[in-house]
Amino acid sequence: MLVLFVLLLAILLILSLRERMRMVNFRNKAWDVSEISTPSPLSQALAGLVGTAGGIYLSLVLLFTFLGLQLPERVHLGELQMEPLAAISIALAIVQPFLLKLFQLKRKI
């Protein structure tokens, strides 16, 4: 069960990073005029993923603090332990580029 969860998480992470790399390449394609060293699409995608997850995490912490809600310190998934808000933040950051693409496709139709 844990192996399947970790494998699914790894696949989603790879697909999310690939989608973020595609989005960064699409945005920078017309504007790339510098021949100087530039960050790789993977490093930009990973930085975007971590930045998005961090922003979501901070927003959730502020929301839960404001509402006075109590969460357990750790959630156990088999042998894996994690902070619930951090897990939610990473999950939402991984899913975000797919949801964005869905909204873009919906607008085209």
PDB file of N, CA and C in Angstrom:
ATOM      1  N   MET A   1       0.827  -1.192   0.000  1.00  0.00           N
ATOM      2  CA  MET A   1       0.000   0.000   0.000  1.00  0.00           C
ATOM      3  C   MET A   1       0.871   1.256   0.000  1.00  0.00           C
ATOM      4  N   LEU A   2       1.885   1.273   0.893  1.00  0.00           N
ATOM      5  CA  LEU A   2       2.774   2.425   0.969  1.00  0.00           C
ATOM      6  C   LEU A   2       3.583   2.575  -0.316  1.00  0.00           C
ATOM      7  N   VAL A   3       4.044   1.464  -0.868  1.00  0.00           N
ATOM      8  CA  VAL A   3       4.828   1.508  -2.103  1.00  0.00           C
ATOM      9  C   VAL A   3       3.973   2.063  -3.238  1.00  0.00           C
ATOM     10  N   LEU A   4       2.727   1.646  -3.303  1.00  0.00           N
ATOM     11  CA  LEU A   4       1.816   2.135  -4.337  1.00  0.00           C
ATOM     12  C   LEU A   4       1.577   3.631  -4.174  1.00  0.00           C
ATOM     13  N   PHE A   5       1.405   4.092  -2.926  1.00  0.00           N
ATOM     14  CA  PHE A   5       1.209   5.512  -2.658  1.00  0.00           C
ATOM     15  C   PHE A   5       2.425   6.328  -3.078  1.00  0.00           C
ATOM     16  N   VAL A   6       3.612   5.864  -2.715  1.00  0.00           N
ATOM     17  CA  VAL A   6       4.848   6.574  -3.062  1.00  0.00           C
ATOM     18  C   VAL A   6       5.052   6.575  -4.577  1.00  0.00           C
ATOM     19  N   LEU A   7       4.750   5.473  -5.233  1.00  0.00           N
ATOM     20  CA  LEU A   7       4.876   5.396  -6.688  1.00  0.00           C
ATOM     21  C   LEU A   7       3.909   6.355  -7.370  1.00  0.00           C
ATOM     22  N   LEU A   8       2.669   6.401  -6.900  1.00  0.00           N
ATOM     23  CA  LEU A   8       1.686   7.319  -7.464  1.00  0.00           C
ATOM     24  C   LEU A   8       2.104   8.760  -7.246  1.00  0.00           C
ATOM     25  N   LEU A   9       2.614   9.064  -6.066  1.00  0.00           N
ATOM     26  CA  LEU A   9       3.086  10.407  -5.777  1.00  0.00           C
ATOM     27  C   LEU A   9       4.256  10.789  -6.683  1.00  0.00           C
ATOM     28  N   ALA A  10       5.182   9.868  -6.905  1.00  0.00           N
ATOM     29  CA  ALA A  10       6.334  10.134  -7.772  1.00  0.00           C
ATOM     30  C   ALA A  10       5.880  10.382  -9.212  1.00  0.00           C
ATOM     31  N   ILE A  11       4.938   9.595  -9.694  1.00  0.00           N
ATOM     32  CA  ILE A  11       4.436   9.773 -11.062  1.00  0.00           C
ATOM     33  C   ILE A  11       3.749  11.125 -11.204  1.00  0.00           C
ATOM     34  N   LEU A  12       2.904  11.476 -10.238  1.00  0.00           N
ATOM     35  CA  LEU A  12       2.233  12.775 -10.289  1.00  0.00           C
ATOM     36  C   LEU A  12       3.223  13.925 -10.212  1.00  0.00           C
ATOM     37  N   LEU A  13       4.257  13.780  -9.403  1.00  0.00           N
ATOM     38  CA  LEU A  13       5.277  14.817  -9.288  1.00  0.00           C
ATOM     39  C   LEU A  13       6.009  14.997 -10.613  1.00  0.00           C
ATOM     40  N   ILE A  14       6.379  13.907 -11.251  1.00  0.00           N
ATOM     41  CA  ILE A  14       7.083  13.978 -12.541  1.00  0.00           C
ATOM     42  C   ILE A  14       6.189  14.609 -13.601  1.00  0.00           C
ATOM     43  N   LEU A  15       4.926  14.202 -13.661  1.00  0.00           N
ATOM     44  CA  LEU A  15       4.007  14.778 -14.641  1.00  0.00           C
ATOM     45  C   LEU A  15       3.769  16.264 -14.381  1.00  0.00           C
ATOM     46  N   SER A  16       3.667  16.640 -13.114  1.00  0.00           N
ATOM     47  CA  SER A  16       3.468  18.042 -12.765  1.00  0.00           C
ATOM     48  C   SER A  16       4.681  18.879 -13.164  1.00  0.00           C
ATOM     49  N   LEU A  17       5.880  18.369 -12.870  1.00  0.00           N
ATOM     50  CA  LEU A  17       7.094  19.093 -13.261  1.00  0.00           C
ATOM     51  C   LEU A  17       7.205  19.205 -14.772  1.00  0.00           C
ATOM     52  N   ARG A  18       6.830  18.149 -15.488  1.00  0.00           N
ATOM     53  CA  ARG A  18       6.874  18.195 -16.959  1.00  0.00           C
ATOM     54  C   ARG A  18       5.917  19.249 -17.505  1.00  0.00           C
ATOM     55  N   GLU A  19       4.729  19.328 -16.933  1.00  0.00           N
ATOM     56  CA  GLU A  19       3.753  20.323 -17.368  1.00  0.00           C
ATOM     57  C   GLU A  19       4.232  21.732 -17.043  1.00  0.00           C
ATOM     58  N   ARG A  20       4.833  21.905 -15.873  1.00  0.00           N
ATOM     59  CA  ARG A  20       5.374  23.218 -15.515  1.00  0.00           C
ATOM     60  C   ARG A  20       6.520  23.614 -16.448  1.00  0.00           C
ATOM     61  N   MET A  21       7.364  22.664 -16.823  1.00  0.00           N
ATOM     62  CA  MET A  21       8.460  22.945 -17.752  1.00  0.00           C
ATOM     63  C   MET A  21       7.902  23.362 -19.104  1.00  0.00           C
ATOM     64  N   ARG A  22       6.844  22.704 -19.548  1.00  0.00           N
ATOM     65  CA  ARG A  22       6.218  23.057 -20.823  1.00  0.00           C
ATOM     66  C   ARG A  22       5.646  24.473 -20.772  1.00  0.00           C
ATOM     67  N   MET A  23       5.030  24.811 -19.643  1.00  0.00           N
ATOM     68  CA  MET A  23       4.457  26.148 -19.494  1.00  0.00           C
ATOM     69  C   MET A  23       5.537  27.220 -19.478  1.00  0.00           C
ATOM     70  N   VAL A  24       6.652  26.949 -18.787  1.00  0.00           N
ATOM     71  CA  VAL A  24       7.748  27.913 -18.735  1.00  0.00           C
ATOM     72  C   VAL A  24       8.360  28.088 -20.120  1.00  0.00           C
ATOM     73  N   ASN A  25       8.567  26.994 -20.842  1.00  0.00           N
ATOM     74  CA  ASN A  25       9.112  27.085 -22.194  1.00  0.00           C
ATOM     75  C   ASN A  25       8.191  27.871 -23.114  1.00  0.00           C
ATOM     76  N   PHE A  26       6.901  27.658 -22.982  1.00  0.00           N
ATOM     77  CA  PHE A  26       5.939  28.373 -23.813  1.00  0.00           C
ATOM     78  C   PHE A  26       5.971  29.866 -23.521  1.00  0.00           C
ATOM     79  N   ARG A  27       6.057  30.235 -22.239  1.00  0.00           N
ATOM     80  CA  ARG A  27       6.087  31.654 -21.867  1.00  0.00           C
ATOM     81  C   ARG A  27       7.373  32.334 -22.311  1.00  0.00           C
ATOM     82  N   ASN A  28       8.499  31.642 -22.226  1.00  0.00           N
ATOM     83  CA  ASN A  28       9.796  32.262 -22.502  1.00  0.00           C
ATOM     84  C   ASN A  28      10.231  32.131 -23.953  1.00  0.00           C
ATOM     85  N   LYS A  29       9.511  31.382 -24.752  1.00  0.00           N
ATOM     86  CA  LYS A  29       9.945  31.115 -26.122  1.00  0.00           C
ATOM     87  C   LYS A  29      10.115  32.405 -26.925  1.00  0.00           C
ATOM     88  N   ALA A  30       9.134  33.273 -26.901  1.00  0.00           N
ATOM     89  CA  ALA A  30       9.193  34.491 -27.709  1.00  0.00           C
ATOM     90  C   ALA A  30      10.098  35.551 -27.097  1.00  0.00           C
ATOM     91  N   TRP A  31      10.399  35.464 -25.814  1.00  0.00           N
ATOM     92  CA  TRP A  31      11.131  36.518 -25.141  1.00  0.00           C
ATOM     93  C   TRP A  31      12.584  36.168 -24.867  1.00  0.00           C
ATOM     94  N   ASP A  32      13.048  35.009 -25.273  1.00  0.00           N
ATOM     95  CA  ASP A  32      14.410  34.578 -24.965  1.00  0.00           C
ATOM     96  C   ASP A  32      15.397  35.263 -25.899  1.00  0.00           C
ATOM     97  N   VAL A  33      16.004  36.362 -25.422  1.00  0.00           N
ATOM     98  CA  VAL A  33      16.963  37.099 -26.241  1.00  0.00           C
ATOM     99  C   VAL A  33      18.369  37.020 -25.672  1.00  0.00           C
ATOM    100  N   SER A  34      18.519  36.485 -24.480  1.00  0.00           N
ATOM    101  CA  SER A  34      19.839  36.445 -23.867  1.00  0.00           C
ATOM    102  C   SER A  34      20.551  35.147 -24.215  1.00  0.00           C
ATOM    103  N   GLU A  35      21.806  35.251 -24.448  1.00  0.00           N
ATOM    104  CA  GLU A  35      22.638  34.080 -24.713  1.00  0.00           C
ATOM    105  C   GLU A  35      23.452  33.712 -23.477  1.00  0.00           C
ATOM    106  N   ILE A  36      23.245  34.446 -22.402  1.00  0.00           N
ATOM    107  CA  ILE A  36      23.959  34.198 -21.155  1.00  0.00           C
ATOM    108  C   ILE A  36      23.329  32.987 -20.475  1.00  0.00           C
ATOM    109  N   SER A  37      24.018  32.439 -19.523  1.00  0.00           N
ATOM    110  CA  SER A  37      23.541  31.275 -18.793  1.00  0.00           C
ATOM    111  C   SER A  37      22.149  31.516 -18.220  1.00  0.00           C
ATOM    112  N   THR A  38      21.251  30.606 -18.524  1.00  0.00           N
ATOM    113  CA  THR A  38      19.878  30.719 -18.026  1.00  0.00           C
ATOM    114  C   THR A  38      19.536  29.461 -17.237  1.00  0.00           C
ATOM    115  N   PRO A  39      18.621  29.572 -16.297  1.00  0.00           N
ATOM    116  CA  PRO A  39      18.226  28.387 -15.538  1.00  0.00           C
ATOM    117  C   PRO A  39      17.540  27.370 -16.445  1.00  0.00           C
ATOM    118  N   SER A  40      17.688  26.110 -16.108  1.00  0.00           N
ATOM    119  CA  SER A  40      17.066  25.064 -16.912  1.00  0.00           C
ATOM    120  C   SER A  40      15.568  25.044 -16.662  1.00  0.00           C
ATOM    121  N   PRO A  41      14.790  24.534 -17.612  1.00  0.00           N
ATOM    122  CA  PRO A  41      13.346  24.426 -17.410  1.00  0.00           C
ATOM    123  C   PRO A  41      12.989  23.573 -16.188  1.00  0.00           C
ATOM    124  N   LEU A  42      13.787  22.525 -15.909  1.00  0.00           N
ATOM    125  CA  LEU A  42      13.511  21.691 -14.747  1.00  0.00           C
ATOM    126  C   LEU A  42      13.704  22.468 -13.446  1.00  0.00           C
ATOM    127  N   SER A  43      14.789  23.262 -13.364  1.00  0.00           N
ATOM    128  CA  SER A  43      15.017  24.028 -12.138  1.00  0.00           C
ATOM    129  C   SER A  43      13.940  25.097 -11.957  1.00  0.00           C
ATOM    130  N   GLN A  44      13.499  25.704 -13.047  1.00  0.00           N
ATOM    131  CA  GLN A  44      12.425  26.688 -12.960  1.00  0.00           C
ATOM    132  C   GLN A  44      11.115  26.029 -12.541  1.00  0.00           C
ATOM    133  N   ALA A  45      10.828  24.852 -13.085  1.00  0.00           N
ATOM    134  CA  ALA A  45       9.598  24.136 -12.731  1.00  0.00           C
ATOM    135  C   ALA A  45       9.617  23.704 -11.270  1.00  0.00           C
ATOM    136  N   LEU A  46      10.761  23.217 -10.808  1.00  0.00           N
ATOM    137  CA  LEU A  46      10.884  22.788  -9.420  1.00  0.00           C
ATOM    138  C   LEU A  46      10.764  23.979  -8.468  1.00  0.00           C
ATOM    139  N   ALA A  47      11.377  25.100  -8.823  1.00  0.00           N
ATOM    140  CA  ALA A  47      11.263  26.307  -8.004  1.00  0.00           C
ATOM    141  C   ALA A  47       9.816  26.796  -7.978  1.00  0.00           C
ATOM    142  N   GLY A  48       9.133  26.707  -9.109  1.00  0.00           N
ATOM    143  CA  GLY A  48       7.723  27.087  -9.156  1.00  0.00           C
ATOM    144  C   GLY A  48       6.862  26.182  -8.297  1.00  0.00           C
ATOM    145  N   LEU A  49       7.142  24.886  -8.328  1.00  0.00           N
ATOM    146  CA  LEU A  49       6.392  23.925  -7.520  1.00  0.00           C
ATOM    147  C   LEU A  49       6.574  24.210  -6.034  1.00  0.00           C
ATOM    148  N   VAL A  50       7.811  24.411  -5.611  1.00  0.00           N
ATOM    149  CA  VAL A  50       8.097  24.680  -4.201  1.00  0.00           C
ATOM    150  C   VAL A  50       7.507  26.028  -3.789  1.00  0.00           C
ATOM    151  N   GLY A  51       7.607  27.023  -4.654  1.00  0.00           N
ATOM    152  CA  GLY A  51       7.039  28.334  -4.343  1.00  0.00           C
ATOM    153  C   GLY A  51       5.526  28.292  -4.217  1.00  0.00           C
ATOM    154  N   THR A  52       4.872  27.586  -5.121  1.00  0.00           N
ATOM    155  CA  THR A  52       3.424  27.448  -5.059  1.00  0.00           C
ATOM    156  C   THR A  52       3.002  26.703  -3.803  1.00  0.00           C
ATOM    157  N   ALA A  53       3.679  25.596  -3.513  1.00  0.00           N
ATOM    158  CA  ALA A  53       3.359  24.826  -2.306  1.00  0.00           C
ATOM    159  C   ALA A  53       3.582  25.667  -1.051  1.00  0.00           C
ATOM    160  N   GLY A  54       4.639  26.456  -1.022  1.00  0.00           N
ATOM    161  CA  GLY A  54       4.904  27.317   0.126  1.00  0.00           C
ATOM    162  C   GLY A  54       3.836  28.373   0.318  1.00  0.00           C
ATOM    163  N   GLY A  55       3.386  28.972  -0.782  1.00  0.00           N
ATOM    164  CA  GLY A  55       2.313  29.968  -0.694  1.00  0.00           C
ATOM    165  C   GLY A  55       1.012  29.355  -0.209  1.00  0.00           C
ATOM    166  N   ILE A  56       0.687  28.172  -0.721  1.00  0.00           N
ATOM    167  CA  ILE A  56      -0.524  27.479  -0.276  1.00  0.00           C
ATOM    168  C   ILE A  56      -0.403  27.133   1.204  1.00  0.00           C
ATOM    169  N   TYR A  57       0.758  26.655   1.619  1.00  0.00           N
ATOM    170  CA  TYR A  57       0.982  26.283   3.020  1.00  0.00           C
ATOM    171  C   TYR A  57       0.773  27.484   3.940  1.00  0.00           C
ATOM    172  N   LEU A  58       1.378  28.607   3.603  1.00  0.00           N
ATOM    173  CA  LEU A  58       1.222  29.800   4.438  1.00  0.00           C
ATOM    174  C   LEU A  58      -0.232  30.255   4.504  1.00  0.00           C
ATOM    175  N   SER A  59      -0.920  30.202   3.379  1.00  0.00           N
ATOM    176  CA  SER A  59      -2.334  30.585   3.362  1.00  0.00           C
ATOM    177  C   SER A  59      -3.167  29.662   4.236  1.00  0.00           C
ATOM    178  N   LEU A  60      -2.900  28.366   4.170  1.00  0.00           N
ATOM    179  CA  LEU A  60      -3.649  27.417   4.990  1.00  0.00           C
ATOM    180  C   LEU A  60      -3.353  27.594   6.469  1.00  0.00           C
ATOM    181  N   VAL A  61      -2.091  27.850   6.808  1.00  0.00           N
ATOM    182  CA  VAL A  61      -1.734  28.082   8.212  1.00  0.00           C
ATOM    183  C   VAL A  61      -2.472  29.309   8.737  1.00  0.00           C
ATOM    184  N   LEU A  62      -2.472  30.393   7.959  1.00  0.00           N
ATOM    185  CA  LEU A  62      -3.173  31.604   8.382  1.00  0.00           C
ATOM    186  C   LEU A  62      -4.674  31.356   8.512  1.00  0.00           C
ATOM    187  N   LEU A  63      -5.252  30.627   7.584  1.00  0.00           N
ATOM    188  CA  LEU A  63      -6.685  30.330   7.625  1.00  0.00           C
ATOM    189  C   LEU A  63      -7.041  29.507   8.855  1.00  0.00           C
ATOM    190  N   PHE A  64      -6.289  28.443   9.108  1.00  0.00           N
ATOM    191  CA  PHE A  64      -6.579  27.581  10.243  1.00  0.00           C
ATOM    192  C   PHE A  64      -6.331  28.305  11.566  1.00  0.00           C
ATOM    193  N   THR A  65      -5.320  29.173  11.618  1.00  0.00           N
ATOM    194  CA  THR A  65      -5.061  29.955  12.823  1.00  0.00           C
ATOM    195  C   THR A  65      -6.190  30.953  13.062  1.00  0.00           C
ATOM    196  N   PHE A  66      -6.616  31.625  12.008  1.00  0.00           N
ATOM    197  CA  PHE A  66      -7.689  32.606  12.111  1.00  0.00           C
ATOM    198  C   PHE A  66      -8.991  31.957  12.566  1.00  0.00           C
ATOM    199  N   LEU A  67      -9.292  30.792  12.013  1.00  0.00           N
ATOM    200  CA  LEU A  67     -10.521  30.092  12.381  1.00  0.00           C
ATOM    201  C   LEU A  67     -10.399  29.344  13.704  1.00  0.00           C
ATOM    202  N   GLY A  68      -9.205  29.216  14.243  1.00  0.00           N
ATOM    203  CA  GLY A  68      -8.989  28.533  15.512  1.00  0.00           C
ATOM    204  C   GLY A  68      -9.167  27.024  15.417  1.00  0.00           C
ATOM    205  N   LEU A  69      -8.913  26.475  14.249  1.00  0.00           N
ATOM    206  CA  LEU A  69      -9.055  25.033  14.060  1.00  0.00           C
ATOM    207  C   LEU A  69      -7.785  24.317  14.482  1.00  0.00           C
ATOM    208  N   GLN A  70      -7.949  23.164  15.086  1.00  0.00           N
ATOM    209  CA  GLN A  70      -6.815  22.363  15.532  1.00  0.00           C
ATOM    210  C   GLN A  70      -6.640  21.175  14.598  1.00  0.00           C
ATOM    211  N   LEU A  71      -5.414  20.955  14.189  1.00  0.00           N
ATOM    212  CA  LEU A  71      -5.072  19.804  13.355  1.00  0.00           C
ATOM    213  C   LEU A  71      -4.084  18.926  14.108  1.00  0.00           C
ATOM    214  N   PRO A  72      -4.073  17.644  13.798  1.00  0.00           N
ATOM    215  CA  PRO A  72      -3.034  16.803  14.408  1.00  0.00           C
ATOM    216  C   PRO A  72      -1.663  17.222  13.885  1.00  0.00           C
ATOM    217  N   GLU A  73      -0.643  17.030  14.714  1.00  0.00           N
ATOM    218  CA  GLU A  73       0.705  17.412  14.297  1.00  0.00           C
ATOM    219  C   GLU A  73       1.203  16.564  13.144  1.00  0.00           C
ATOM    220  N   ARG A  74       0.888  15.294  13.167  1.00  0.00           N
ATOM    221  CA  ARG A  74       1.338  14.362  12.128  1.00  0.00           C
ATOM    222  C   ARG A  74       0.184  13.478  11.702  1.00  0.00           C
ATOM    223  N   VAL A  75       0.193  13.137  10.423  1.00  0.00           N
ATOM    224  CA  VAL A  75      -0.751  12.170   9.877  1.00  0.00           C
ATOM    225  C   VAL A  75       0.070  10.962   9.450  1.00  0.00           C
ATOM    226  N   HIS A  76      -0.376   9.776   9.800  1.00  0.00           N
ATOM    227  CA  HIS A  76       0.347   8.547   9.491  1.00  0.00           C
ATOM    228  C   HIS A  76      -0.286   7.875   8.284  1.00  0.00           C
ATOM    229  N   LEU A  77       0.509   7.662   7.251  1.00  0.00           N
ATOM    230  CA  LEU A  77       0.098   6.897   6.074  1.00  0.00           C
ATOM    231  C   LEU A  77       1.001   5.671   6.011  1.00  0.00           C
ATOM    232  N   GLY A  78       0.606   4.640   6.697  1.00  0.00           N
ATOM    233  CA  GLY A  78       1.469   3.466   6.799  1.00  0.00           C
ATOM    234  C   GLY A  78       2.689   3.826   7.623  1.00  0.00           C
ATOM    235  N   GLU A  79       3.858   3.677   7.052  1.00  0.00           N
ATOM    236  CA  GLU A  79       5.100   4.026   7.737  1.00  0.00           C
ATOM    237  C   GLU A  79       5.488   5.486   7.523  1.00  0.00           C
ATOM    238  N   LEU A  80       4.776   6.161   6.661  1.00  0.00           N
ATOM    239  CA  LEU A  80       5.073   7.550   6.315  1.00  0.00           C
ATOM    240  C   LEU A  80       4.321   8.495   7.247  1.00  0.00           C
ATOM    241  N   GLN A  81       5.030   9.475   7.802  1.00  0.00           N
ATOM    242  CA  GLN A  81       4.421  10.496   8.652  1.00  0.00           C
ATOM    243  C   GLN A  81       4.643  11.853   8.018  1.00  0.00           C
ATOM    244  N   MET A  82       3.610  12.692   8.048  1.00  0.00           N
ATOM    245  CA  MET A  82       3.768  14.034   7.489  1.00  0.00           C
ATOM    246  C   MET A  82       2.819  15.004   8.166  1.00  0.00           C
ATOM    247  N   GLU A  83       3.140  16.270   8.055  1.00  0.00           N
ATOM    248  CA  GLU A  83       2.278  17.318   8.567  1.00  0.00           C
ATOM    249  C   GLU A  83       1.101  17.474   7.597  1.00  0.00           C
ATOM    250  N   PRO A  84      -0.130  17.527   8.096  1.00  0.00           N
ATOM    251  CA  PRO A  84      -1.289  17.547   7.205  1.00  0.00           C
ATOM    252  C   PRO A  84      -1.325  18.746   6.247  1.00  0.00           C
ATOM    253  N   LEU A  85      -1.024  19.944   6.747  1.00  0.00           N
ATOM    254  CA  LEU A  85      -1.072  21.114   5.872  1.00  0.00           C
ATOM    255  C   LEU A  85       0.023  21.074   4.806  1.00  0.00           C
ATOM    256  N   ALA A  86       1.174  20.550   5.152  1.00  0.00           N
ATOM    257  CA  ALA A  86       2.252  20.422   4.164  1.00  0.00           C
ATOM    258  C   ALA A  86       1.858  19.414   3.084  1.00  0.00           C
ATOM    259  N   ALA A  87       1.237  18.317   3.484  1.00  0.00           N
ATOM    260  CA  ALA A  87       0.806  17.309   2.509  1.00  0.00           C
ATOM    261  C   ALA A  87      -0.258  17.876   1.574  1.00  0.00           C
ATOM    262  N   ILE A  88      -1.209  18.603   2.141  1.00  0.00           N
ATOM    263  CA  ILE A  88      -2.255  19.225   1.318  1.00  0.00           C
ATOM    264  C   ILE A  88      -1.644  20.245   0.363  1.00  0.00           C
ATOM    265  N   SER A  89      -0.691  21.032   0.864  1.00  0.00           N
ATOM    266  CA  SER A  89      -0.046  22.064   0.042  1.00  0.00           C
ATOM    267  C   SER A  89       0.699  21.449  -1.141  1.00  0.00           C
ATOM    268  N   ILE A  90       1.472  20.409  -0.880  1.00  0.00           N
ATOM    269  CA  ILE A  90       2.209  19.753  -1.967  1.00  0.00           C
ATOM    270  C   ILE A  90       1.241  19.127  -2.964  1.00  0.00           C
ATOM    271  N   ALA A  91       0.196  18.491  -2.460  1.00  0.00           N
ATOM    272  CA  ALA A  91      -0.788  17.858  -3.353  1.00  0.00           C
ATOM    273  C   ALA A  91      -1.451  18.899  -4.244  1.00  0.00           C
ATOM    274  N   LEU A  92      -1.861  20.026  -3.673  1.00  0.00           N
ATOM    275  CA  LEU A  92      -2.492  21.072  -4.486  1.00  0.00           C
ATOM    276  C   LEU A  92      -1.511  21.686  -5.482  1.00  0.00           C
ATOM    277  N   ALA A  93      -0.255  21.857  -5.079  1.00  0.00           N
ATOM    278  CA  ALA A  93       0.753  22.409  -5.996  1.00  0.00           C
ATOM    279  C   ALA A  93       1.041  21.449  -7.146  1.00  0.00           C
ATOM    280  N   ILE A  94       0.988  20.145  -6.874  1.00  0.00           N
ATOM    281  CA  ILE A  94       1.222  19.166  -7.931  1.00  0.00           C
ATOM    282  C   ILE A  94       0.059  19.167  -8.928  1.00  0.00           C
ATOM    283  N   VAL A  95      -1.151  19.305  -8.436  1.00  0.00           N
ATOM    284  CA  VAL A  95      -2.345  19.245  -9.283  1.00  0.00           C
ATOM    285  C   VAL A  95      -2.586  20.564 -10.022  1.00  0.00           C
ATOM    286  N   GLN A  96      -2.069  21.669  -9.510  1.00  0.00           N
ATOM    287  CA  GLN A  96      -2.336  23.001 -10.044  1.00  0.00           C
ATOM    288  C   GLN A  96      -2.104  23.164 -11.551  1.00  0.00           C
ATOM    289  N   PRO A  97      -0.986  22.701 -12.132  1.00  0.00           N
ATOM    290  CA  PRO A  97      -0.814  22.916 -13.577  1.00  0.00           C
ATOM    291  C   PRO A  97      -1.839  22.151 -14.418  1.00  0.00           C
ATOM    292  N   PHE A  98      -2.295  20.997 -13.916  1.00  0.00           N
ATOM    293  CA  PHE A  98      -3.299  20.244 -14.657  1.00  0.00           C
ATOM    294  C   PHE A  98      -4.650  20.957 -14.613  1.00  0.00           C
ATOM    295  N   LEU A  99      -4.985  21.527 -13.461  1.00  0.00           N
ATOM    296  CA  LEU A  99      -6.229  22.287 -13.355  1.00  0.00           C
ATOM    297  C   LEU A  99      -6.170  23.540 -14.221  1.00  0.00           C
ATOM    298  N   LEU A 100      -5.023  24.196 -14.248  1.00  0.00           N
ATOM    299  CA  LEU A 100      -4.852  25.376 -15.087  1.00  0.00           C
ATOM    300  C   LEU A 100      -5.032  25.022 -16.556  1.00  0.00           C
ATOM    301  N   LYS A 101      -4.459  23.907 -16.966  1.00  0.00           N
ATOM    302  CA  LYS A 101      -4.605  23.470 -18.359  1.00  0.00           C
ATOM    303  C   LYS A 101      -6.063  23.143 -18.671  1.00  0.00           C
ATOM    304  N   LEU A 102      -6.767  22.523 -17.720  1.00  0.00           N
ATOM    305  CA  LEU A 102      -8.176  22.214 -17.905  1.00  0.00           C
ATOM    306  C   LEU A 102      -8.991  23.489 -18.102  1.00  0.00           C
ATOM    307  N   PHE A 103      -8.736  24.515 -17.280  1.00  0.00           N
ATOM    308  CA  PHE A 103      -9.447  25.781 -17.419  1.00  0.00           C
ATOM    309  C   PHE A 103      -9.128  26.450 -18.749  1.00  0.00           C
ATOM    310  N   GLN A 104      -7.876  26.365 -19.197  1.00  0.00           N
ATOM    311  CA  GLN A 104      -7.502  26.949 -20.489  1.00  0.00           C
ATOM    312  C   GLN A 104      -8.207  26.239 -21.633  1.00  0.00           C
ATOM    313  N   LEU A 105      -8.279  24.916 -21.569  1.00  0.00           N
ATOM    314  CA  LEU A 105      -8.984  24.170 -22.604  1.00  0.00           C
ATOM    315  C   LEU A 105     -10.474  24.478 -22.594  1.00  0.00           C
ATOM    316  N   LYS A 106     -11.038  24.642 -21.409  1.00  0.00           N
ATOM    317  CA  LYS A 106     -12.457  24.953 -21.285  1.00  0.00           C
ATOM    318  C   LYS A 106     -12.761  26.320 -21.879  1.00  0.00           C
ATOM    319  N   ARG A 107     -11.851  27.280 -21.697  1.00  0.00           N
ATOM    320  CA  ARG A 107     -12.055  28.630 -22.255  1.00  0.00           C
ATOM    321  C   ARG A 107     -12.003  28.612 -23.774  1.00  0.00           C
ATOM    322  N   LYS A 108     -11.201  27.732 -24.361  1.00  0.00           N
ATOM    323  CA  LYS A 108     -11.094  27.657 -25.822  1.00  0.00           C
ATOM    324  C   LYS A 108     -12.355  27.115 -26.464  1.00  0.00           C
ATOM    325  N   ILE A 109     -13.068  26.272 -25.723  1.00  0.00           N
ATOM    326  CA  ILE A 109     -14.276  25.633 -26.270  1.00  0.00           C
ATOM    327  C   ILE A 109     -15.446  26.565 -26.258  1.00  0.00           C
TER     328      ILE A 109
END
